[in-house]
N, C-alpha and C. Protein backbone atom coordinates (compact mmCIF):
# COMPACT_ATOMS: atom_id res chain seq x y z
N MET A 1 -1.85 6.35 13.02
CA MET A 1 -2.04 5.51 11.84
C MET A 1 -1.36 6.14 10.63
N LEU A 2 -0.73 5.31 9.84
CA LEU A 2 -0.01 5.78 8.66
C LEU A 2 -0.97 5.95 7.49
N THR A 3 -1.05 7.16 6.93
CA THR A 3 -2.01 7.40 5.86
C THR A 3 -1.45 7.11 4.47
N ASP A 4 -0.14 7.19 4.29
CA ASP A 4 0.44 6.94 2.98
C ASP A 4 1.67 6.03 3.10
N PRO A 5 1.47 4.72 3.00
CA PRO A 5 2.57 3.78 3.18
C PRO A 5 3.66 3.89 2.11
N ILE A 6 3.31 4.31 0.90
CA ILE A 6 4.32 4.43 -0.15
C ILE A 6 5.25 5.60 0.15
N SER A 7 4.71 6.71 0.62
CA SER A 7 5.55 7.85 1.02
C SER A 7 6.47 7.46 2.17
N ASP A 8 5.95 6.66 3.09
CA ASP A 8 6.76 6.17 4.20
C ASP A 8 7.93 5.32 3.67
N MET A 9 7.65 4.46 2.70
CA MET A 9 8.70 3.63 2.10
C MET A 9 9.78 4.49 1.45
N LEU A 10 9.37 5.50 0.70
CA LEU A 10 10.33 6.39 0.04
C LEU A 10 11.17 7.16 1.05
N THR A 11 10.55 7.59 2.14
CA THR A 11 11.27 8.31 3.18
C THR A 11 12.29 7.41 3.86
N ARG A 12 11.92 6.16 4.11
CA ARG A 12 12.86 5.21 4.72
C ARG A 12 14.07 4.99 3.81
N ILE A 13 13.82 4.86 2.50
CA ILE A 13 14.93 4.67 1.55
C ILE A 13 15.81 5.91 1.51
N ARG A 14 15.20 7.11 1.43
CA ARG A 14 15.95 8.37 1.42
C ARG A 14 16.84 8.50 2.66
N ASN A 15 16.27 8.20 3.83
CA ASN A 15 17.01 8.31 5.08
C ASN A 15 18.17 7.31 5.13
N ALA A 16 17.93 6.09 4.66
CA ALA A 16 18.99 5.08 4.64
C ALA A 16 20.13 5.49 3.71
N ILE A 17 19.80 6.06 2.57
CA ILE A 17 20.83 6.53 1.63
C ILE A 17 21.63 7.67 2.25
N GLN A 18 20.94 8.58 2.90
CA GLN A 18 21.61 9.72 3.52
C GLN A 18 22.61 9.27 4.58
N LYS A 19 22.27 8.19 5.32
CA LYS A 19 23.16 7.67 6.36
C LYS A 19 24.10 6.58 5.83
N ARG A 20 24.06 6.32 4.52
CA ARG A 20 24.94 5.33 3.86
C ARG A 20 24.74 3.91 4.39
N HIS A 21 23.51 3.55 4.71
CA HIS A 21 23.20 2.19 5.15
C HIS A 21 23.25 1.25 3.94
N GLU A 22 23.60 0.00 4.19
CA GLU A 22 23.63 -1.00 3.11
C GLU A 22 22.24 -1.58 2.86
N VAL A 23 21.43 -1.71 3.93
CA VAL A 23 20.08 -2.26 3.81
C VAL A 23 19.09 -1.37 4.55
N VAL A 24 17.82 -1.49 4.16
CA VAL A 24 16.75 -0.77 4.85
C VAL A 24 15.56 -1.72 4.93
N GLU A 25 14.86 -1.70 6.08
CA GLU A 25 13.68 -2.54 6.28
C GLU A 25 12.42 -1.70 6.10
N ILE A 26 11.47 -2.28 5.35
CA ILE A 26 10.22 -1.60 5.04
C ILE A 26 9.07 -2.55 5.36
N PRO A 27 8.00 -2.09 6.01
CA PRO A 27 6.84 -2.96 6.19
C PRO A 27 6.31 -3.44 4.84
N SER A 28 5.94 -4.70 4.75
CA SER A 28 5.59 -5.32 3.48
C SER A 28 4.15 -5.07 3.05
N SER A 29 3.96 -4.98 1.73
CA SER A 29 2.63 -4.99 1.10
C SER A 29 2.85 -5.38 -0.36
N LYS A 30 1.78 -5.78 -1.02
CA LYS A 30 1.89 -6.19 -2.42
C LYS A 30 2.36 -5.04 -3.31
N MET A 31 1.83 -3.85 -3.07
CA MET A 31 2.20 -2.67 -3.87
C MET A 31 3.68 -2.34 -3.67
N LYS A 32 4.15 -2.36 -2.44
CA LYS A 32 5.56 -2.06 -2.16
C LYS A 32 6.47 -3.11 -2.78
N LEU A 33 6.07 -4.39 -2.74
CA LEU A 33 6.86 -5.45 -3.37
C LEU A 33 6.98 -5.21 -4.88
N ALA A 34 5.88 -4.81 -5.51
CA ALA A 34 5.91 -4.53 -6.95
C ALA A 34 6.82 -3.35 -7.26
N ILE A 35 6.78 -2.31 -6.44
CA ILE A 35 7.63 -1.13 -6.65
C ILE A 35 9.10 -1.49 -6.46
N VAL A 36 9.41 -2.24 -5.41
CA VAL A 36 10.78 -2.64 -5.12
C VAL A 36 11.32 -3.54 -6.24
N GLU A 37 10.48 -4.41 -6.77
CA GLU A 37 10.89 -5.27 -7.90
C GLU A 37 11.26 -4.43 -9.12
N LEU A 38 10.48 -3.37 -9.41
CA LEU A 38 10.81 -2.48 -10.52
C LEU A 38 12.11 -1.73 -10.27
N LEU A 39 12.33 -1.30 -9.03
CA LEU A 39 13.58 -0.61 -8.69
C LEU A 39 14.78 -1.54 -8.90
N ARG A 40 14.61 -2.83 -8.58
CA ARG A 40 15.68 -3.80 -8.80
C ARG A 40 15.94 -4.00 -10.29
N LYS A 41 14.88 -4.16 -11.06
CA LYS A 41 15.02 -4.35 -12.51
C LYS A 41 15.71 -3.16 -13.18
N GLU A 42 15.43 -1.97 -12.67
CA GLU A 42 16.00 -0.75 -13.26
C GLU A 42 17.40 -0.44 -12.72
N GLY A 43 17.90 -1.22 -11.76
CA GLY A 43 19.25 -1.06 -11.25
C GLY A 43 19.41 -0.04 -10.14
N PHE A 44 18.32 0.40 -9.55
CA PHE A 44 18.41 1.37 -8.46
C PHE A 44 18.72 0.72 -7.12
N ILE A 45 18.41 -0.58 -6.99
CA ILE A 45 18.76 -1.32 -5.78
C ILE A 45 19.38 -2.66 -6.18
N LYS A 46 20.19 -3.25 -5.28
CA LYS A 46 20.82 -4.55 -5.55
C LYS A 46 19.81 -5.67 -5.57
N GLY A 47 18.99 -5.70 -4.56
CA GLY A 47 18.01 -6.77 -4.42
C GLY A 47 17.17 -6.56 -3.19
N PHE A 48 16.32 -7.53 -2.93
CA PHE A 48 15.45 -7.46 -1.76
C PHE A 48 14.99 -8.86 -1.41
N HIS A 49 14.54 -9.03 -0.19
CA HIS A 49 13.91 -10.28 0.22
C HIS A 49 12.89 -9.98 1.31
N GLU A 50 11.91 -10.86 1.40
CA GLU A 50 10.85 -10.70 2.38
C GLU A 50 11.19 -11.49 3.64
N VAL A 51 10.91 -10.90 4.78
CA VAL A 51 11.14 -11.54 6.07
C VAL A 51 9.82 -11.54 6.83
N GLU A 52 9.49 -12.67 7.45
CA GLU A 52 8.26 -12.71 8.26
C GLU A 52 8.50 -11.94 9.55
N TYR A 53 7.58 -11.05 9.87
CA TYR A 53 7.69 -10.24 11.08
C TYR A 53 6.28 -9.95 11.57
N LYS A 54 5.94 -10.51 12.72
CA LYS A 54 4.60 -10.37 13.30
C LYS A 54 3.55 -10.75 12.25
N ASN A 55 2.54 -9.92 12.04
CA ASN A 55 1.48 -10.25 11.09
C ASN A 55 1.79 -9.81 9.66
N GLN A 56 2.51 -8.71 9.52
CA GLN A 56 2.66 -8.09 8.21
C GLN A 56 3.86 -8.57 7.42
N GLY A 57 5.00 -8.67 8.04
CA GLY A 57 6.23 -9.00 7.34
C GLY A 57 6.98 -7.74 6.96
N LYS A 58 8.24 -7.92 6.55
CA LYS A 58 9.08 -6.79 6.17
C LYS A 58 9.79 -7.11 4.86
N ILE A 59 10.11 -6.06 4.14
CA ILE A 59 10.94 -6.17 2.94
C ILE A 59 12.30 -5.61 3.31
N VAL A 60 13.35 -6.40 3.13
CA VAL A 60 14.71 -5.93 3.39
C VAL A 60 15.31 -5.57 2.02
N VAL A 61 15.59 -4.29 1.82
CA VAL A 61 16.08 -3.78 0.55
C VAL A 61 17.58 -3.52 0.65
N GLU A 62 18.34 -4.07 -0.30
CA GLU A 62 19.79 -3.84 -0.38
C GLU A 62 20.05 -2.68 -1.34
N LEU A 63 20.65 -1.62 -0.81
CA LEU A 63 20.89 -0.41 -1.61
C LEU A 63 22.18 -0.54 -2.42
N VAL A 64 22.24 0.18 -3.54
CA VAL A 64 23.40 0.16 -4.43
C VAL A 64 24.18 1.46 -4.25
N TYR A 65 25.48 1.33 -4.04
CA TYR A 65 26.37 2.49 -4.02
C TYR A 65 27.43 2.29 -5.09
N ARG A 66 27.65 3.30 -5.88
CA ARG A 66 28.62 3.21 -6.96
C ARG A 66 29.94 3.82 -6.48
N HIS A 67 30.78 4.26 -7.38
CA HIS A 67 32.08 4.81 -7.02
C HIS A 67 31.95 5.96 -6.02
N GLN A 68 32.87 6.01 -5.09
CA GLN A 68 32.94 7.03 -4.03
C GLN A 68 31.66 7.09 -3.20
N LYS A 69 31.09 5.91 -2.92
CA LYS A 69 29.89 5.81 -2.09
C LYS A 69 28.72 6.67 -2.60
N GLN A 70 28.64 6.86 -3.91
CA GLN A 70 27.54 7.61 -4.52
C GLN A 70 26.36 6.66 -4.72
N ALA A 71 25.21 6.97 -4.15
CA ALA A 71 24.04 6.10 -4.24
C ALA A 71 23.50 6.08 -5.67
N ALA A 72 22.97 4.94 -6.07
CA ALA A 72 22.35 4.82 -7.40
C ALA A 72 21.08 5.65 -7.47
N ILE A 73 20.41 5.79 -6.34
CA ILE A 73 19.19 6.61 -6.28
C ILE A 73 19.60 8.03 -5.87
N HIS A 74 19.37 8.98 -6.77
CA HIS A 74 19.67 10.38 -6.45
C HIS A 74 18.46 11.09 -5.88
N GLY A 75 17.27 10.62 -6.27
CA GLY A 75 16.06 11.25 -5.77
C GLY A 75 14.85 10.36 -5.92
N LEU A 76 13.92 10.52 -5.02
CA LEU A 76 12.63 9.82 -5.04
C LEU A 76 11.56 10.87 -4.79
N LYS A 77 10.50 10.85 -5.61
CA LYS A 77 9.43 11.82 -5.39
C LYS A 77 8.08 11.15 -5.56
N ARG A 78 7.25 11.30 -4.56
CA ARG A 78 5.88 10.78 -4.61
C ARG A 78 5.04 11.76 -5.41
N VAL A 79 4.33 11.31 -6.42
CA VAL A 79 3.53 12.20 -7.26
C VAL A 79 2.06 12.14 -6.85
N SER A 80 1.45 10.97 -6.93
CA SER A 80 0.06 10.80 -6.55
C SER A 80 -0.02 10.53 -5.05
N LYS A 81 -0.80 11.32 -4.35
CA LYS A 81 -0.90 11.20 -2.89
C LYS A 81 -2.35 10.90 -2.52
N PRO A 82 -2.59 10.43 -1.31
CA PRO A 82 -3.99 10.20 -0.91
C PRO A 82 -4.85 11.46 -1.00
N SER A 83 -4.26 12.62 -0.75
CA SER A 83 -5.02 13.86 -0.81
C SER A 83 -5.20 14.37 -2.24
N ARG A 84 -4.35 13.90 -3.16
CA ARG A 84 -4.42 14.37 -4.55
C ARG A 84 -3.92 13.26 -5.48
N ARG A 85 -4.84 12.51 -6.04
CA ARG A 85 -4.47 11.43 -6.94
C ARG A 85 -4.18 12.00 -8.33
N VAL A 86 -3.16 11.44 -8.98
CA VAL A 86 -2.78 11.89 -10.31
C VAL A 86 -2.87 10.69 -11.25
N TYR A 87 -3.69 10.82 -12.30
CA TYR A 87 -3.85 9.77 -13.29
C TYR A 87 -3.44 10.32 -14.65
N LEU A 88 -2.76 9.50 -15.43
CA LEU A 88 -2.34 9.90 -16.78
C LEU A 88 -2.69 8.81 -17.77
N GLY A 89 -3.11 9.24 -18.96
CA GLY A 89 -3.26 8.32 -20.08
C GLY A 89 -1.88 8.06 -20.67
N TYR A 90 -1.73 7.00 -21.44
CA TYR A 90 -0.40 6.66 -21.96
C TYR A 90 0.16 7.74 -22.88
N ARG A 91 -0.69 8.51 -23.54
CA ARG A 91 -0.21 9.58 -24.42
C ARG A 91 0.42 10.74 -23.63
N ASP A 92 0.02 10.88 -22.37
CA ASP A 92 0.49 11.98 -21.53
C ASP A 92 1.74 11.63 -20.73
N ILE A 93 2.20 10.38 -20.80
CA ILE A 93 3.37 9.95 -20.03
C ILE A 93 4.64 10.44 -20.72
N LYS A 94 5.43 11.23 -20.02
CA LYS A 94 6.68 11.79 -20.56
C LYS A 94 7.88 11.15 -19.88
N PRO A 95 9.03 11.09 -20.58
CA PRO A 95 10.26 10.55 -19.96
C PRO A 95 10.70 11.42 -18.78
N ILE A 96 11.30 10.80 -17.78
CA ILE A 96 11.79 11.49 -16.59
C ILE A 96 13.28 11.77 -16.77
N PHE A 97 13.68 13.03 -16.67
CA PHE A 97 15.07 13.45 -16.83
C PHE A 97 15.68 12.88 -18.11
N ASN A 98 14.98 13.08 -19.21
CA ASN A 98 15.43 12.62 -20.54
C ASN A 98 15.72 11.12 -20.57
N GLY A 99 14.96 10.35 -19.83
CA GLY A 99 15.11 8.90 -19.86
C GLY A 99 16.05 8.33 -18.82
N THR A 100 16.76 9.17 -18.06
CA THR A 100 17.66 8.65 -17.03
C THR A 100 16.90 8.29 -15.76
N GLY A 101 15.73 8.88 -15.58
CA GLY A 101 14.88 8.56 -14.44
C GLY A 101 13.76 7.63 -14.85
N VAL A 102 13.01 7.17 -13.87
CA VAL A 102 11.92 6.23 -14.12
C VAL A 102 10.67 6.72 -13.40
N ALA A 103 9.55 6.68 -14.10
CA ALA A 103 8.26 6.93 -13.48
C ALA A 103 7.59 5.58 -13.25
N ILE A 104 6.93 5.42 -12.12
CA ILE A 104 6.27 4.16 -11.81
C ILE A 104 4.76 4.41 -11.72
N PHE A 105 4.01 3.58 -12.45
CA PHE A 105 2.56 3.71 -12.56
C PHE A 105 1.87 2.46 -12.04
N SER A 106 0.70 2.66 -11.45
CA SER A 106 -0.18 1.56 -11.10
C SER A 106 -1.28 1.54 -12.15
N THR A 107 -1.30 0.49 -12.97
CA THR A 107 -2.23 0.39 -14.09
C THR A 107 -3.16 -0.80 -13.90
N PRO A 108 -4.18 -0.92 -14.73
CA PRO A 108 -5.03 -2.12 -14.66
C PRO A 108 -4.25 -3.41 -14.94
N ASN A 109 -3.10 -3.31 -15.61
CA ASN A 109 -2.25 -4.47 -15.91
C ASN A 109 -1.16 -4.67 -14.88
N GLY A 110 -1.20 -3.96 -13.76
CA GLY A 110 -0.20 -4.10 -12.72
C GLY A 110 0.69 -2.87 -12.62
N VAL A 111 1.65 -2.93 -11.72
CA VAL A 111 2.59 -1.82 -11.52
C VAL A 111 3.68 -1.93 -12.58
N MET A 112 3.96 -0.80 -13.27
CA MET A 112 4.96 -0.82 -14.34
C MET A 112 5.62 0.54 -14.51
N THR A 113 6.74 0.55 -15.24
CA THR A 113 7.47 1.78 -15.49
C THR A 113 6.80 2.56 -16.61
N ASP A 114 7.22 3.82 -16.77
CA ASP A 114 6.67 4.67 -17.81
C ASP A 114 6.91 4.10 -19.21
N VAL A 115 8.09 3.52 -19.43
CA VAL A 115 8.44 2.98 -20.75
C VAL A 115 7.51 1.82 -21.12
N VAL A 116 7.30 0.91 -20.18
CA VAL A 116 6.43 -0.25 -20.42
C VAL A 116 4.98 0.21 -20.61
N ALA A 117 4.54 1.18 -19.82
CA ALA A 117 3.17 1.68 -19.94
C ALA A 117 2.94 2.29 -21.32
N ARG A 118 3.91 3.03 -21.84
CA ARG A 118 3.77 3.60 -23.19
C ARG A 118 3.75 2.50 -24.24
N GLU A 119 4.62 1.48 -24.09
CA GLU A 119 4.66 0.36 -25.04
C GLU A 119 3.34 -0.39 -25.07
N LYS A 120 2.77 -0.64 -23.89
CA LYS A 120 1.52 -1.41 -23.80
C LYS A 120 0.29 -0.53 -24.02
N LYS A 121 0.52 0.78 -24.19
CA LYS A 121 -0.55 1.75 -24.40
C LYS A 121 -1.60 1.69 -23.30
N VAL A 122 -1.11 1.78 -22.06
CA VAL A 122 -2.00 1.76 -20.91
C VAL A 122 -1.59 2.87 -19.93
N GLY A 123 -2.56 3.59 -19.41
CA GLY A 123 -2.29 4.64 -18.44
C GLY A 123 -2.69 4.17 -17.05
N GLY A 124 -2.55 5.06 -16.09
CA GLY A 124 -2.93 4.69 -14.73
C GLY A 124 -2.51 5.75 -13.73
N GLU A 125 -2.46 5.35 -12.47
CA GLU A 125 -2.09 6.28 -11.41
C GLU A 125 -0.58 6.47 -11.38
N PHE A 126 -0.14 7.71 -11.43
CA PHE A 126 1.27 8.10 -11.45
C PHE A 126 1.77 8.08 -10.00
N LEU A 127 2.40 6.97 -9.59
CA LEU A 127 2.78 6.79 -8.19
C LEU A 127 3.99 7.63 -7.79
N LEU A 128 5.13 7.46 -8.51
CA LEU A 128 6.36 8.10 -8.08
C LEU A 128 7.37 8.20 -9.21
N THR A 129 8.39 9.02 -8.98
CA THR A 129 9.53 9.10 -9.91
C THR A 129 10.80 8.79 -9.13
N VAL A 130 11.76 8.18 -9.84
CA VAL A 130 13.06 7.84 -9.27
C VAL A 130 14.11 8.28 -10.28
N TRP A 131 15.17 8.93 -9.79
CA TRP A 131 16.27 9.31 -10.68
C TRP A 131 17.58 9.17 -9.96
């Protein structure tokens, strides 16, 4: 049984980038859809679509490669884990790599980036960073 589906999603994306795949399939969930939507808005992926597969469904993510096959995503790091949850108030949220990276939070108002969380003055669970 998979204990951390978000870590699994990040690992699948990392592996696909390492092998220079154009798309990667991820088992679907509402949280993963929200995270993938933020990655699309921030320009880390081209797009995504949901495909029905058995009971759960899959998310097909289209990866972005820039000049010389350089991936738009340089790194993904899971911060809050099932064994150690990390929560931050909006005052404690800092920019990632001087604003070039993005932190993704799960808040009472939904899943959002660090910039939006600071603007809305809402904290939450610090899910992951992308740069």
